[in-house]
All heavy atoms as atom14 arrays in JSON, in Angstrom:
{
  "sequence": "LPTPGLATPTAQPEELPHGEAPAQAEAEDIKVCPRCSAFIMKINDG",
  "atom14_mask": [
    [1, 1, 1, 1, 1, 1, 1, 1, 0, 0, 0, 0, 0, 0],
    [1, 1, 1, 1, 1, 1, 1, 0, 0, 0, 0, 0, 0, 0],
    [1, 1, 1, 1, 1, 1, 1, 0, 0, 0, 0, 0, 0, 0],
    [1, 1, 1, 1, 1, 1, 1, 0, 0, 0, 0, 0, 0, 0],
    [1, 1, 1, 1, 0, 0, 0, 0, 0, 0, 0, 0, 0, 0],
    [1, 1, 1, 1, 1, 1, 1, 1, 0, 0, 0, 0, 0, 0],
    [1, 1, 1, 1, 1, 0, 0, 0, 0, 0, 0, 0, 0, 0],
    [1, 1, 1, 1, 1, 1, 1, 0, 0, 0, 0, 0, 0, 0],
    [1, 1, 1, 1, 1, 1, 1, 0, 0, 0, 0, 0, 0, 0],
    [1, 1, 1, 1, 1, 1, 1, 0, 0, 0, 0, 0, 0, 0],
    [1, 1, 1, 1, 1, 0, 0, 0, 0, 0, 0, 0, 0, 0],
    [1, 1, 1, 1, 1, 1, 1, 1, 1, 0, 0, 0, 0, 0],
    [1, 1, 1, 1, 1, 1, 1, 0, 0, 0, 0, 0, 0, 0],
    [1, 1, 1, 1, 1, 1, 1, 1, 1, 0, 0, 0, 0, 0],
    [1, 1, 1, 1, 1, 1, 1, 1, 1, 0, 0, 0, 0, 0],
    [1, 1, 1, 1, 1, 1, 1, 1, 0, 0, 0, 0, 0, 0],
    [1, 1, 1, 1, 1, 1, 1, 0, 0, 0, 0, 0, 0, 0],
    [1, 1, 1, 1, 1, 1, 1, 1, 1, 1, 0, 0, 0, 0],
    [1, 1, 1, 1, 0, 0, 0, 0, 0, 0, 0, 0, 0, 0],
    [1, 1, 1, 1, 1, 1, 1, 1, 1, 0, 0, 0, 0, 0],
    [1, 1, 1, 1, 1, 0, 0, 0, 0, 0, 0, 0, 0, 0],
    [1, 1, 1, 1, 1, 1, 1, 0, 0, 0, 0, 0, 0, 0],
    [1, 1, 1, 1, 1, 0, 0, 0, 0, 0, 0, 0, 0, 0],
    [1, 1, 1, 1, 1, 1, 1, 1, 1, 0, 0, 0, 0, 0],
    [1, 1, 1, 1, 1, 0, 0, 0, 0, 0, 0, 0, 0, 0],
    [1, 1, 1, 1, 1, 1, 1, 1, 1, 0, 0, 0, 0, 0],
    [1, 1, 1, 1, 1, 0, 0, 0, 0, 0, 0, 0, 0, 0],
    [1, 1, 1, 1, 1, 1, 1, 1, 1, 0, 0, 0, 0, 0],
    [1, 1, 1, 1, 1, 1, 1, 1, 0, 0, 0, 0, 0, 0],
    [1, 1, 1, 1, 1, 1, 1, 1, 0, 0, 0, 0, 0, 0],
    [1, 1, 1, 1, 1, 1, 1, 1, 1, 0, 0, 0, 0, 0],
    [1, 1, 1, 1, 1, 1, 1, 0, 0, 0, 0, 0, 0, 0],
    [1, 1, 1, 1, 1, 1, 0, 0, 0, 0, 0, 0, 0, 0],
    [1, 1, 1, 1, 1, 1, 1, 0, 0, 0, 0, 0, 0, 0],
    [1, 1, 1, 1, 1, 1, 1, 1, 1, 1, 1, 0, 0, 0],
    [1, 1, 1, 1, 1, 1, 0, 0, 0, 0, 0, 0, 0, 0],
    [1, 1, 1, 1, 1, 1, 0, 0, 0, 0, 0, 0, 0, 0],
    [1, 1, 1, 1, 1, 0, 0, 0, 0, 0, 0, 0, 0, 0],
    [1, 1, 1, 1, 1, 1, 1, 1, 1, 1, 1, 0, 0, 0],
    [1, 1, 1, 1, 1, 1, 1, 1, 0, 0, 0, 0, 0, 0],
    [1, 1, 1, 1, 1, 1, 1, 1, 0, 0, 0, 0, 0, 0],
    [1, 1, 1, 1, 1, 1, 1, 1, 1, 0, 0, 0, 0, 0],
    [1, 1, 1, 1, 1, 1, 1, 1, 0, 0, 0, 0, 0, 0],
    [1, 1, 1, 1, 1, 1, 1, 1, 0, 0, 0, 0, 0, 0],
    [1, 1, 1, 1, 1, 1, 1, 1, 0, 0, 0, 0, 0, 0],
    [1, 1, 1, 1, 0, 0, 0, 0, 0, 0, 0, 0, 0, 0]
  ],
  "atom14_positions": [
    [[17.4, -4.89, -3.52], [16.38, -3.91, -3.17], [15.06, -4.31, -3.79], [15.01, -4.73, -4.94], [16.79, -2.52, -3.66], [18.0, -1.91, -2.97], [18.35, -0.58, -3.63], [17.74, -1.72, -1.49], [0.0, 0.0, 0.0], [0.0, 0.0, 0.0], [0.0, 0.0, 0.0], [0.0, 0.0, 0.0], [0.0, 0.0, 0.0], [0.0, 0.0, 0.0]],
    [[13.97, -4.17, -3.05], [12.66, -4.52, -3.59], [12.2, -3.52, -4.63], [12.68, -2.4, -4.69], [11.75, -4.48, -2.36], [12.42, -3.54, -1.43], [13.9, -3.71, -1.66], [0.0, 0.0, 0.0], [0.0, 0.0, 0.0], [0.0, 0.0, 0.0], [0.0, 0.0, 0.0], [0.0, 0.0, 0.0], [0.0, 0.0, 0.0], [0.0, 0.0, 0.0]],
    [[11.3, -3.99, -5.46], [10.75, -3.1, -6.47], [9.85, -2.07, -5.81], [9.26, -2.34, -4.76], [9.93, -3.91, -7.48], [8.88, -4.58, -6.78], [10.8, -4.94, -8.19], [0.0, 0.0, 0.0], [0.0, 0.0, 0.0], [0.0, 0.0, 0.0], [0.0, 0.0, 0.0], [0.0, 0.0, 0.0], [0.0, 0.0, 0.0], [0.0, 0.0, 0.0]],
    [[9.73, -0.86, -6.38], [8.93, 0.18, -5.72], [7.5, -0.23, -5.45], [6.92, 0.12, -4.45], [9.0, 1.35, -6.74], [10.24, 1.1, -7.52], [10.39, -0.4, -7.6], [0.0, 0.0, 0.0], [0.0, 0.0, 0.0], [0.0, 0.0, 0.0], [0.0, 0.0, 0.0], [0.0, 0.0, 0.0], [0.0, 0.0, 0.0], [0.0, 0.0, 0.0]],
    [[6.91, -1.01, -6.36], [5.52, -1.38, -6.17], [5.32, -2.28, -4.96], [4.28, -2.26, -4.33], [0.0, 0.0, 0.0], [0.0, 0.0, 0.0], [0.0, 0.0, 0.0], [0.0, 0.0, 0.0], [0.0, 0.0, 0.0], [0.0, 0.0, 0.0], [0.0, 0.0, 0.0], [0.0, 0.0, 0.0], [0.0, 0.0, 0.0], [0.0, 0.0, 0.0]],
    [[6.33, -3.09, -4.61], [6.22, -3.96, -3.46], [6.8, -3.34, -2.21], [6.5, -3.76, -1.11], [6.94, -5.29, -3.74], [6.34, -6.15, -4.85], [7.18, -7.41, -5.03], [4.91, -6.51, -4.53], [0.0, 0.0, 0.0], [0.0, 0.0, 0.0], [0.0, 0.0, 0.0], [0.0, 0.0, 0.0], [0.0, 0.0, 0.0], [0.0, 0.0, 0.0]],
    [[7.64, -2.35, -2.39], [8.3, -1.75, -1.21], [7.35, -0.91, -0.41], [7.4, -0.9, 0.81], [9.5, -0.91, -1.66], [0.0, 0.0, 0.0], [0.0, 0.0, 0.0], [0.0, 0.0, 0.0], [0.0, 0.0, 0.0], [0.0, 0.0, 0.0], [0.0, 0.0, 0.0], [0.0, 0.0, 0.0], [0.0, 0.0, 0.0], [0.0, 0.0, 0.0]],
    [[6.51, -0.16, -1.07], [5.63, 0.75, -0.36], [4.19, 0.43, -0.7], [3.76, 0.61, -1.84], [5.93, 2.22, -0.75], [5.84, 2.32, -2.17], [7.32, 2.62, -0.3], [0.0, 0.0, 0.0], [0.0, 0.0, 0.0], [0.0, 0.0, 0.0], [0.0, 0.0, 0.0], [0.0, 0.0, 0.0], [0.0, 0.0, 0.0], [0.0, 0.0, 0.0]],
    [[3.42, -0.06, 0.27], [2.05, -0.43, -0.02], [1.17, 0.75, -0.38], [0.11, 0.58, -0.94], [1.58, -1.08, 1.29], [2.47, -0.51, 2.33], [3.79, -0.29, 1.67], [0.0, 0.0, 0.0], [0.0, 0.0, 0.0], [0.0, 0.0, 0.0], [0.0, 0.0, 0.0], [0.0, 0.0, 0.0], [0.0, 0.0, 0.0], [0.0, 0.0, 0.0]],
    [[1.6, 1.98, -0.05], [0.79, 3.14, -0.4], [1.09, 3.65, -1.79], [0.45, 4.57, -2.28], [1.03, 4.27, 0.61], [2.44, 4.57, 0.64], [0.59, 3.87, 2.0], [0.0, 0.0, 0.0], [0.0, 0.0, 0.0], [0.0, 0.0, 0.0], [0.0, 0.0, 0.0], [0.0, 0.0, 0.0], [0.0, 0.0, 0.0], [0.0, 0.0, 0.0]],
    [[2.12, 3.08, -2.45], [2.46, 3.54, -3.8], [1.37, 3.14, -4.77], [0.88, 2.02, -4.74], [3.8, 2.95, -4.23], [0.0, 0.0, 0.0], [0.0, 0.0, 0.0], [0.0, 0.0, 0.0], [0.0, 0.0, 0.0], [0.0, 0.0, 0.0], [0.0, 0.0, 0.0], [0.0, 0.0, 0.0], [0.0, 0.0, 0.0], [0.0, 0.0, 0.0]],
    [[1.01, 4.05, -5.64], [-0.02, 3.78, -6.62], [0.61, 3.74, -8.02], [1.53, 4.5, -8.31], [-1.1, 4.87, -6.58], [-1.81, 4.97, -5.24], [-2.62, 3.74, -4.94], [-3.02, 3.02, -5.86], [-2.87, 3.48, -3.68], [0.0, 0.0, 0.0], [0.0, 0.0, 0.0], [0.0, 0.0, 0.0], [0.0, 0.0, 0.0], [0.0, 0.0, 0.0]],
    [[0.15, 2.9, -8.9], [0.68, 2.87, -10.26], [0.38, 4.17, -10.98], [-0.59, 4.86, -10.67], [-0.05, 1.69, -10.91], [-1.27, 1.51, -10.08], [-0.91, 1.91, -8.68], [0.0, 0.0, 0.0], [0.0, 0.0, 0.0], [0.0, 0.0, 0.0], [0.0, 0.0, 0.0], [0.0, 0.0, 0.0], [0.0, 0.0, 0.0], [0.0, 0.0, 0.0]],
    [[1.23, 4.49, -11.95], [1.07, 5.74, -12.68], [-0.24, 5.76, -13.47], [-0.92, 6.77, -13.54], [2.26, 5.96, -13.61], [3.58, 6.15, -12.86], [4.72, 6.38, -13.82], [4.48, 6.4, -15.04], [5.87, 6.52, -13.35], [0.0, 0.0, 0.0], [0.0, 0.0, 0.0], [0.0, 0.0, 0.0], [0.0, 0.0, 0.0], [0.0, 0.0, 0.0]],
    [[-0.57, 4.63, -14.07], [-1.81, 4.57, -14.84], [-2.57, 3.32, -14.44], [-2.01, 2.25, -14.3], [-1.5, 4.53, -16.33], [-0.82, 5.81, -16.86], [-0.6, 5.74, -18.34], [-1.01, 4.71, -18.94], [-0.03, 6.69, -18.9], [0.0, 0.0, 0.0], [0.0, 0.0, 0.0], [0.0, 0.0, 0.0], [0.0, 0.0, 0.0], [0.0, 0.0, 0.0]],
    [[-3.85, 3.48, -14.26], [-4.7, 2.36, -13.92], [-5.59, 2.05, -15.11], [-6.13, 2.96, -15.75], [-5.56, 2.68, -12.69], [-4.78, 2.89, -11.39], [-5.76, 3.28, -10.28], [-4.03, 1.65, -10.98], [0.0, 0.0, 0.0], [0.0, 0.0, 0.0], [0.0, 0.0, 0.0], [0.0, 0.0, 0.0], [0.0, 0.0, 0.0], [0.0, 0.0, 0.0]],
    [[-5.77, 0.75, -15.43], [-6.59, 0.39, -16.59], [-8.06, 0.69, -16.39], [-8.57, 0.62, -15.27], [-6.35, -1.13, -16.7], [-5.97, -1.56, -15.32], [-5.21, -0.42, -14.74], [0.0, 0.0, 0.0], [0.0, 0.0, 0.0], [0.0, 0.0, 0.0], [0.0, 0.0, 0.0], [0.0, 0.0, 0.0], [0.0, 0.0, 0.0], [0.0, 0.0, 0.0]],
    [[-8.69, 1.05, -17.48], [-10.14, 1.24, -17.51], [-10.6, 2.33, -16.55], [-11.7, 2.27, -16.0], [-10.87, -0.07, -17.2], [-10.43, -1.21, -18.04], [-10.59, -1.24, -19.42], [-9.78, -2.37, -17.71], [-10.09, -2.38, -19.89], [-9.58, -3.06, -18.89], [0.0, 0.0, 0.0], [0.0, 0.0, 0.0], [0.0, 0.0, 0.0], [0.0, 0.0, 0.0]],
    [[-9.74, 3.31, -16.27], [-10.14, 4.44, -15.43], [-10.4, 4.08, -13.99], [-11.22, 4.72, -13.33], [0.0, 0.0, 0.0], [0.0, 0.0, 0.0], [0.0, 0.0, 0.0], [0.0, 0.0, 0.0], [0.0, 0.0, 0.0], [0.0, 0.0, 0.0], [0.0, 0.0, 0.0], [0.0, 0.0, 0.0], [0.0, 0.0, 0.0], [0.0, 0.0, 0.0]],
    [[-9.72, 3.05, -13.48], [-9.94, 2.67, -12.08], [-9.46, 3.77, -11.14], [-8.46, 4.42, -11.39], [-9.17, 1.37, -11.75], [-9.76, 0.14, -12.36], [-9.03, -1.1, -11.89], [-8.24, -0.99, -10.95], [-9.24, -2.17, -12.47], [0.0, 0.0, 0.0], [0.0, 0.0, 0.0], [0.0, 0.0, 0.0], [0.0, 0.0, 0.0], [0.0, 0.0, 0.0]],
    [[-10.17, 3.95, -10.04], [-9.74, 4.89, -9.0], [-8.74, 4.19, -8.09], [-8.85, 2.99, -7.85], [-10.95, 5.38, -8.2], [0.0, 0.0, 0.0], [0.0, 0.0, 0.0], [0.0, 0.0, 0.0], [0.0, 0.0, 0.0], [0.0, 0.0, 0.0], [0.0, 0.0, 0.0], [0.0, 0.0, 0.0], [0.0, 0.0, 0.0], [0.0, 0.0, 0.0]],
    [[-7.74, 4.89, -7.58], [-6.78, 4.27, -6.66], [-7.48, 3.71, -5.44], [-8.44, 4.29, -4.92], [-5.85, 5.44, -6.28], [-6.02, 6.45, -7.36], [-7.44, 6.3, -7.83], [0.0, 0.0, 0.0], [0.0, 0.0, 0.0], [0.0, 0.0, 0.0], [0.0, 0.0, 0.0], [0.0, 0.0, 0.0], [0.0, 0.0, 0.0], [0.0, 0.0, 0.0]],
    [[-6.96, 2.58, -4.98], [-7.55, 1.94, -3.79], [-7.02, 2.63, -2.55], [-6.27, 2.07, -1.76], [-7.2, 0.45, -3.78], [0.0, 0.0, 0.0], [0.0, 0.0, 0.0], [0.0, 0.0, 0.0], [0.0, 0.0, 0.0], [0.0, 0.0, 0.0], [0.0, 0.0, 0.0], [0.0, 0.0, 0.0], [0.0, 0.0, 0.0], [0.0, 0.0, 0.0]],
    [[-7.43, 3.91, -2.35], [-6.87, 4.72, -1.27], [-7.26, 4.19, 0.1], [-6.47, 4.17, 1.02], [-7.36, 6.16, -1.43], [-6.65, 7.17, -0.53], [-5.2, 7.33, -0.88], [-4.83, 7.18, -2.04], [-4.36, 7.58, 0.09], [0.0, 0.0, 0.0], [0.0, 0.0, 0.0], [0.0, 0.0, 0.0], [0.0, 0.0, 0.0], [0.0, 0.0, 0.0]],
    [[-8.51, 3.75, 0.24], [-8.96, 3.28, 1.55], [-8.15, 2.06, 1.99], [-7.73, 1.94, 3.12], [-10.44, 2.95, 1.51], [0.0, 0.0, 0.0], [0.0, 0.0, 0.0], [0.0, 0.0, 0.0], [0.0, 0.0, 0.0], [0.0, 0.0, 0.0], [0.0, 0.0, 0.0], [0.0, 0.0, 0.0], [0.0, 0.0, 0.0], [0.0, 0.0, 0.0]],
    [[-7.93, 1.13, 1.04], [-7.17, -0.06, 1.39], [-5.71, 0.29, 1.66], [-5.09, -0.24, 2.56], [-7.26, -1.09, 0.27], [-8.63, -1.74, 0.09], [-9.58, -0.86, -0.69], [-9.2, 0.28, -1.04], [-10.72, -1.3, -0.94], [0.0, 0.0, 0.0], [0.0, 0.0, 0.0], [0.0, 0.0, 0.0], [0.0, 0.0, 0.0], [0.0, 0.0, 0.0]],
    [[-5.15, 1.21, 0.86], [-3.74, 1.54, 1.01], [-3.46, 2.17, 2.36], [-2.41, 1.97, 2.94], [-3.31, 2.48, -0.11], [0.0, 0.0, 0.0], [0.0, 0.0, 0.0], [0.0, 0.0, 0.0], [0.0, 0.0, 0.0], [0.0, 0.0, 0.0], [0.0, 0.0, 0.0], [0.0, 0.0, 0.0], [0.0, 0.0, 0.0], [0.0, 0.0, 0.0]],
    [[-4.37, 2.96, 2.89], [-4.15, 3.64, 4.16], [-4.15, 2.66, 5.33], [-3.66, 2.99, 6.4], [-5.22, 4.7, 4.37], [-5.08, 5.9, 3.44], [-6.2, 6.89, 3.64], [-7.14, 6.59, 4.4], [-6.13, 7.96, 3.03], [0.0, 0.0, 0.0], [0.0, 0.0, 0.0], [0.0, 0.0, 0.0], [0.0, 0.0, 0.0], [0.0, 0.0, 0.0]],
    [[-4.69, 1.49, 5.16], [-4.75, 0.5, 6.24], [-3.55, -0.43, 6.24], [-3.48, -1.32, 7.07], [-6.03, -0.32, 6.13], [-7.26, 0.52, 6.39], [-7.15, 1.53, 7.09], [-8.32, 0.16, 5.87], [0.0, 0.0, 0.0], [0.0, 0.0, 0.0], [0.0, 0.0, 0.0], [0.0, 0.0, 0.0], [0.0, 0.0, 0.0], [0.0, 0.0, 0.0]],
    [[-2.64, -0.28, 5.3], [-1.47, -1.16, 5.21], [-0.21, -0.3, 5.25], [-0.06, 0.64, 4.48], [-1.48, -1.98, 3.91], [-2.77, -2.78, 3.79], [-0.27, -2.9, 3.84], [-2.92, -3.51, 2.48], [0.0, 0.0, 0.0], [0.0, 0.0, 0.0], [0.0, 0.0, 0.0], [0.0, 0.0, 0.0], [0.0, 0.0, 0.0], [0.0, 0.0, 0.0]],
    [[0.68, -0.63, 6.18], [1.95, 0.08, 6.29], [3.06, -0.96, 6.51], [2.79, -2.15, 6.64], [1.93, 1.09, 7.44], [0.89, 2.2, 7.24], [0.91, 3.21, 8.38], [-0.13, 4.29, 8.16], [-0.13, 5.31, 9.25], [0.0, 0.0, 0.0], [0.0, 0.0, 0.0], [0.0, 0.0, 0.0], [0.0, 0.0, 0.0], [0.0, 0.0, 0.0]],
    [[4.3, -0.48, 6.54], [5.43, -1.4, 6.7], [6.1, -1.15, 8.04], [6.14, -0.03, 8.54], [6.46, -1.24, 5.55], [5.86, -1.66, 4.23], [6.96, 0.2, 5.47], [0.0, 0.0, 0.0], [0.0, 0.0, 0.0], [0.0, 0.0, 0.0], [0.0, 0.0, 0.0], [0.0, 0.0, 0.0], [0.0, 0.0, 0.0], [0.0, 0.0, 0.0]],
    [[6.61, -2.21, 8.63], [7.35, -2.12, 9.88], [8.61, -1.28, 9.65], [9.34, -1.51, 8.68], [7.71, -3.52, 10.37], [8.86, -3.54, 11.77], [0.0, 0.0, 0.0], [0.0, 0.0, 0.0], [0.0, 0.0, 0.0], [0.0, 0.0, 0.0], [0.0, 0.0, 0.0], [0.0, 0.0, 0.0], [0.0, 0.0, 0.0], [0.0, 0.0, 0.0]],
    [[8.92, -0.33, 10.52], [10.1, 0.52, 10.31], [11.42, -0.23, 10.46], [12.46, 0.26, 10.03], [9.96, 1.6, 11.39], [9.09, 1.0, 12.43], [8.15, 0.09, 11.7], [0.0, 0.0, 0.0], [0.0, 0.0, 0.0], [0.0, 0.0, 0.0], [0.0, 0.0, 0.0], [0.0, 0.0, 0.0], [0.0, 0.0, 0.0], [0.0, 0.0, 0.0]],
    [[11.39, -1.43, 11.05], [12.63, -2.17, 11.25], [12.84, -3.24, 10.17], [13.89, -3.29, 9.54], [12.65, -2.84, 12.63], [13.95, -3.59, 12.91], [13.87, -4.35, 14.23], [13.69, -3.45, 15.37], [13.47, -3.88, 16.61], [13.37, -5.18, 16.86], [13.33, -3.01, 17.6], [0.0, 0.0, 0.0], [0.0, 0.0, 0.0], [0.0, 0.0, 0.0]],
    [[11.84, -4.08, 9.93], [12.03, -5.19, 8.99], [11.23, -5.02, 7.7], [11.32, -5.85, 6.81], [11.64, -6.51, 9.65], [9.87, -6.69, 9.98], [0.0, 0.0, 0.0], [0.0, 0.0, 0.0], [0.0, 0.0, 0.0], [0.0, 0.0, 0.0], [0.0, 0.0, 0.0], [0.0, 0.0, 0.0], [0.0, 0.0, 0.0], [0.0, 0.0, 0.0]],
    [[10.43, -3.95, 7.61], [9.64, -3.64, 6.41], [8.58, -4.68, 6.08], [8.14, -4.78, 4.93], [10.56, -3.43, 5.19], [11.42, -2.34, 5.4], [0.0, 0.0, 0.0], [0.0, 0.0, 0.0], [0.0, 0.0, 0.0], [0.0, 0.0, 0.0], [0.0, 0.0, 0.0], [0.0, 0.0, 0.0], [0.0, 0.0, 0.0], [0.0, 0.0, 0.0]],
    [[8.17, -5.46, 7.06], [7.08, -6.41, 6.83], [5.76, -5.65, 6.69], [5.55, -4.63, 7.36], [7.0, -7.4, 7.99], [0.0, 0.0, 0.0], [0.0, 0.0, 0.0], [0.0, 0.0, 0.0], [0.0, 0.0, 0.0], [0.0, 0.0, 0.0], [0.0, 0.0, 0.0], [0.0, 0.0, 0.0], [0.0, 0.0, 0.0], [0.0, 0.0, 0.0]],
    [[4.89, -6.14, 5.83], [3.58, -5.52, 5.65], [2.72, -5.75, 6.89], [2.64, -6.86, 7.41], [2.87, -6.11, 4.43], [3.46, -5.67, 3.13], [3.17, -6.35, 1.96], [4.29, -4.57, 3.05], [3.7, -5.95, 0.75], [4.83, -4.15, 1.85], [4.53, -4.85, 0.69], [0.0, 0.0, 0.0], [0.0, 0.0, 0.0], [0.0, 0.0, 0.0]],
    [[2.06, -4.69, 7.34], [1.19, -4.79, 8.51], [-0.12, -4.09, 8.19], [-0.13, -2.97, 7.68], [1.84, -4.16, 9.75], [3.09, -4.95, 10.14], [0.86, -4.11, 10.91], [3.85, -4.36, 11.3], [0.0, 0.0, 0.0], [0.0, 0.0, 0.0], [0.0, 0.0, 0.0], [0.0, 0.0, 0.0], [0.0, 0.0, 0.0], [0.0, 0.0, 0.0]],
    [[-1.21, -4.77, 8.46], [-2.53, -4.19, 8.26], [-3.16, -3.9, 9.62], [-3.13, -4.75, 10.51], [-3.43, -5.13, 7.45], [-4.86, -4.63, 7.32], [-5.92, -5.76, 6.38], [-5.33, -5.42, 4.72], [0.0, 0.0, 0.0], [0.0, 0.0, 0.0], [0.0, 0.0, 0.0], [0.0, 0.0, 0.0], [0.0, 0.0, 0.0], [0.0, 0.0, 0.0]],
    [[-3.72, -2.73, 9.77], [-4.4, -2.34, 11.01], [-5.9, -2.31, 10.77], [-6.38, -1.58, 9.9], [-3.91, -0.97, 11.48], [-4.48, -0.53, 12.84], [-3.85, 0.8, 13.24], [-4.28, 1.22, 14.63], [-5.72, 1.48, 14.72], [0.0, 0.0, 0.0], [0.0, 0.0, 0.0], [0.0, 0.0, 0.0], [0.0, 0.0, 0.0], [0.0, 0.0, 0.0]],
    [[-6.61, -3.12, 11.5], [-8.06, -3.18, 11.35], [-8.67, -1.92, 11.96], [-8.28, -1.5, 13.04], [-8.63, -4.43, 12.04], [-7.95, -5.69, 11.5], [-10.14, -4.52, 11.82], [-8.11, -5.88, 10.01], [0.0, 0.0, 0.0], [0.0, 0.0, 0.0], [0.0, 0.0, 0.0], [0.0, 0.0, 0.0], [0.0, 0.0, 0.0], [0.0, 0.0, 0.0]],
    [[-9.61, -1.34, 11.28], [-10.26, -0.11, 11.74], [-11.33, -0.45, 12.78], [-12.52, -0.35, 12.52], [-10.86, 0.65, 10.56], [-11.36, 2.02, 10.97], [-10.95, 2.56, 11.98], [-12.27, 2.57, 10.18], [0.0, 0.0, 0.0], [0.0, 0.0, 0.0], [0.0, 0.0, 0.0], [0.0, 0.0, 0.0], [0.0, 0.0, 0.0], [0.0, 0.0, 0.0]],
    [[-10.87, -0.9, 13.96], [-11.8, -1.3, 15.02], [-11.65, -0.44, 16.26], [-12.1, -0.82, 17.34], [-11.56, -2.77, 15.39], [-10.14, -3.03, 15.85], [-9.31, -2.1, 15.75], [-9.85, -4.15, 16.32], [0.0, 0.0, 0.0], [0.0, 0.0, 0.0], [0.0, 0.0, 0.0], [0.0, 0.0, 0.0], [0.0, 0.0, 0.0], [0.0, 0.0, 0.0]],
    [[-11.01, 0.72, 16.12], [-10.84, 1.6, 17.26], [-9.66, 1.24, 18.15], [-9.52, 1.79, 19.24], [0.0, 0.0, 0.0], [0.0, 0.0, 0.0], [0.0, 0.0, 0.0], [0.0, 0.0, 0.0], [0.0, 0.0, 0.0], [0.0, 0.0, 0.0], [0.0, 0.0, 0.0], [0.0, 0.0, 0.0], [0.0, 0.0, 0.0], [0.0, 0.0, 0.0]]
  ]
}
């Protein structure tokens, strides 16, 4: 089984160093295939 951080691209670490804000915009553009769980990025081009 993959580690949680690699399994779900939308997962955010519990603590980020130096007060970083979560990369929410980037995370929303990356999802996993429901069959093979490959990472897929969708370009925001309409």
